[in-house]
Amino acid sequence: MRAICPGSFDPVTHGHLDVVVRASRMFDEVLVAVGRNSAKNYLFSPDERAAMLADATSELPNVRVDLLDGLLVDYCREREIDVIVKGLRFAGDFEFELQMAQMNFALSGIETIMLPTAAKWAHLSSTMIREVAKLGGDVTQFVTPAVAERIRDKMATDNQGGRA
């Protein structure tokens, strides 16, 4: 059975990776799809986010990373993906993800499985990580060392006026 873990992953956190690792134990193949959300202000490009995810999941032989453009259900249909896996941190996530799951099912018949994020990562969001980093805070405990380095490099570039 094939599953997809879609998201923007800007940047990928330990909370995201917790869900991906657990999904990789449940499914034969897991595709982590880096999408675009027009409502979000991204720190990293889609290619940068995909590269960070590929590095972070390199030890998981049944996990692949790809870019997602367009409707998730179309992407799933084209690649014969059976299940969408979404991580939940708190009740507000459930309300939003339930609506999305119901819409995706209505459009395509694809099921969504929701996994609660491990309690130790439930407070994390990529938005918070970006904000803390922009204000000079240390985010190393929330992301992999490689992601922390990319964030430091991005913040150093941005602070020098060389906005990417």
Protein backbone atom coordinates (compact mmCIF):
# COMPACT_ATOMS: atom_id res chain seq x y z
CA MET A 1 0.00 0.00 0.00
CA ARG A 2 1.27 3.48 -0.91
CA ALA A 3 0.78 6.59 1.21
CA ILE A 4 1.51 10.27 0.84
CA CYS A 5 2.48 12.78 3.53
CA PRO A 6 1.84 16.18 1.93
CA GLY A 7 2.86 19.50 3.39
CA SER A 8 4.87 22.65 2.89
CA PHE A 9 7.67 21.61 5.28
CA ASP A 10 9.15 25.11 5.54
CA PRO A 11 11.29 23.99 7.27
CA VAL A 12 10.90 20.31 8.06
CA THR A 13 10.75 19.78 11.84
CA HIS A 14 11.12 16.81 14.16
CA GLY A 15 7.32 16.81 14.36
CA HIS A 16 7.04 16.29 10.60
CA LEU A 17 9.67 13.57 10.70
CA ASP A 18 7.87 11.81 13.56
CA VAL A 19 4.80 11.42 11.34
CA VAL A 20 6.84 10.35 8.29
CA VAL A 21 8.78 7.72 10.26
CA ARG A 22 5.59 6.29 11.74
CA ALA A 23 3.90 6.24 8.33
CA SER A 24 6.93 4.44 6.88
CA ARG A 25 6.33 1.63 9.38
CA MET A 26 2.68 1.33 8.33
CA PHE A 27 2.93 1.47 4.54
CA ASP A 28 5.02 -0.21 1.85
CA GLU A 29 5.94 3.13 0.32
CA VAL A 30 5.58 6.70 1.59
CA LEU A 31 5.86 9.68 -0.66
CA VAL A 32 6.57 12.95 1.11
CA ALA A 33 5.17 15.66 -1.15
CA VAL A 34 6.38 19.23 -0.81
CA GLY A 35 3.55 21.52 -1.83
CA ARG A 36 2.95 25.16 -2.34
CA ASN A 37 0.38 27.05 -0.30
CA SER A 38 -0.30 30.53 -1.64
CA ALA A 39 -1.34 31.68 1.85
CA LYS A 40 2.11 31.03 3.29
CA ASN A 41 5.23 33.18 3.22
CA TYR A 42 8.03 30.70 2.54
CA LEU A 43 11.58 30.88 3.86
CA PHE A 44 12.88 28.18 1.48
CA SER A 45 12.11 27.37 -2.14
CA PRO A 46 10.27 24.12 -2.95
CA ASP A 47 13.53 22.59 -4.21
CA GLU A 48 15.35 23.55 -0.99
CA ARG A 49 12.55 22.08 1.13
CA ALA A 50 12.58 18.86 -0.91
CA ALA A 51 16.37 18.60 -0.53
CA MET A 52 16.13 19.05 3.26
CA LEU A 53 13.44 16.35 3.43
CA ALA A 54 15.42 13.97 1.23
CA ASP A 55 18.40 14.38 3.53
CA ALA A 56 16.30 13.98 6.69
CA THR A 57 14.60 10.81 5.39
CA SER A 58 17.62 9.24 3.67
CA GLU A 59 17.75 6.41 6.26
CA LEU A 60 14.17 5.34 5.45
CA PRO A 61 14.37 3.04 2.39
CA ASN A 62 10.65 3.16 1.61
CA VAL A 63 10.35 6.97 1.70
CA ARG A 64 10.69 9.21 -1.35
CA VAL A 65 10.39 12.97 -1.65
CA ASP A 66 8.73 14.80 -4.54
CA LEU A 67 7.30 18.21 -5.39
CA LEU A 68 3.53 18.68 -5.48
CA ASP A 69 1.86 21.22 -7.70
CA GLY A 70 -1.88 21.30 -8.20
CA LEU A 71 -4.58 19.26 -6.51
CA LEU A 72 -3.41 16.60 -4.09
CA VAL A 73 -6.09 14.15 -5.24
CA ASP A 74 -4.97 14.48 -8.88
CA TYR A 75 -1.40 13.82 -7.84
CA CYS A 76 -2.50 10.75 -5.87
CA ARG A 77 -4.64 9.41 -8.70
CA GLU A 78 -1.79 9.81 -11.24
CA ARG A 79 0.64 7.93 -8.97
CA GLU A 80 -1.82 5.32 -7.65
CA ILE A 81 -1.43 6.46 -4.04
CA ASP A 82 -3.89 4.76 -1.69
CA VAL A 83 -3.88 6.90 1.46
CA ILE A 84 -3.16 10.46 2.59
CA VAL A 85 -1.41 10.69 5.97
CA LYS A 86 -1.69 13.90 7.96
CA GLY A 87 -0.15 14.74 11.32
CA LEU A 88 -2.24 16.38 14.02
CA ARG A 89 -0.84 18.52 16.81
CA PHE A 90 -4.01 19.75 18.50
CA ALA A 91 -7.79 19.99 18.10
CA GLY A 92 -7.64 22.90 15.66
CA ASP A 93 -5.57 20.77 13.28
CA PHE A 94 -8.24 18.08 13.42
CA GLU A 95 -11.02 20.47 12.46
CA PHE A 96 -9.12 21.74 9.43
CA GLU A 97 -7.79 18.33 8.36
CA LEU A 98 -11.20 16.68 8.72
CA GLN A 99 -12.66 19.18 6.26
CA MET A 100 -9.79 18.54 3.85
CA ALA A 101 -10.14 14.75 4.25
CA GLN A 102 -13.84 14.92 3.49
CA MET A 103 -13.25 17.08 0.42
CA ASN A 104 -10.46 14.81 -0.84
CA PHE A 105 -12.69 11.77 -0.37
CA ALA A 106 -15.60 13.45 -2.17
CA LEU A 107 -13.32 14.36 -5.08
CA SER A 108 -11.49 11.06 -5.42
CA GLY A 109 -12.49 8.38 -2.91
CA ILE A 110 -9.02 8.50 -1.35
CA GLU A 111 -8.94 7.98 2.41
CA THR A 112 -7.04 10.11 4.90
CA ILE A 113 -5.41 8.76 8.04
CA MET A 114 -4.61 11.24 10.78
CA LEU A 115 -1.72 10.53 13.13
CA PRO A 116 -1.29 12.49 16.32
CA THR A 117 2.20 13.94 16.55
CA ALA A 118 4.27 12.69 19.46
CA ALA A 119 3.57 14.85 22.51
CA LYS A 120 7.14 16.12 22.69
CA TRP A 121 6.77 17.71 19.23
CA ALA A 122 3.11 18.82 19.40
CA HIS A 123 4.04 22.44 20.12
CA LEU A 124 6.11 22.75 16.95
CA SER A 125 5.07 24.46 13.77
CA SER A 126 7.20 25.55 10.86
CA THR A 127 5.78 29.05 11.26
CA MET A 128 7.04 29.22 14.86
CA ILE A 129 10.46 27.86 13.83
CA ARG A 130 10.78 30.53 11.12
CA GLU A 131 9.74 33.28 13.53
CA VAL A 132 12.13 32.19 16.27
CA ALA A 133 14.97 31.91 13.75
CA LYS A 134 14.23 35.33 12.23
CA LEU A 135 14.42 36.85 15.71
CA GLY A 136 17.80 35.22 16.36
CA GLY A 137 16.61 32.32 18.52
CA ASP A 138 18.16 28.87 18.59
CA VAL A 139 15.99 26.27 16.83
CA THR A 140 18.49 23.39 16.82
CA GLN A 141 16.44 21.25 19.21
CA PHE A 142 13.45 21.31 16.85
CA VAL A 143 15.09 20.40 13.52
CA THR A 144 17.86 18.15 12.22
CA PRO A 145 21.43 19.51 12.29
CA ALA A 146 21.43 19.90 8.48
CA VAL A 147 18.17 21.88 8.57
CA ALA A 148 19.48 24.04 11.43
CA GLU A 149 22.55 24.84 9.34
CA ARG A 150 20.43 25.80 6.33
CA ILE A 151 18.31 28.05 8.55
CA ARG A 152 21.43 29.72 9.98
CA ASP A 153 22.80 30.27 6.46
CA LYS A 154 19.47 31.69 5.25
CA MET A 155 19.23 34.04 8.25
CA ALA A 156 22.83 35.23 7.73
CA THR A 157 22.12 35.91 4.04
CA ASP A 158 18.85 37.69 4.81
CA ASN A 159 20.46 39.82 7.52
CA GLN A 160 23.10 40.97 5.04
CA GLY A 161 20.40 42.30 2.75
CA GLY A 162 20.78 39.50 0.20
CA ARG A 163 17.20 38.30 0.36
CA ALA A 164 16.81 35.16 -1.74
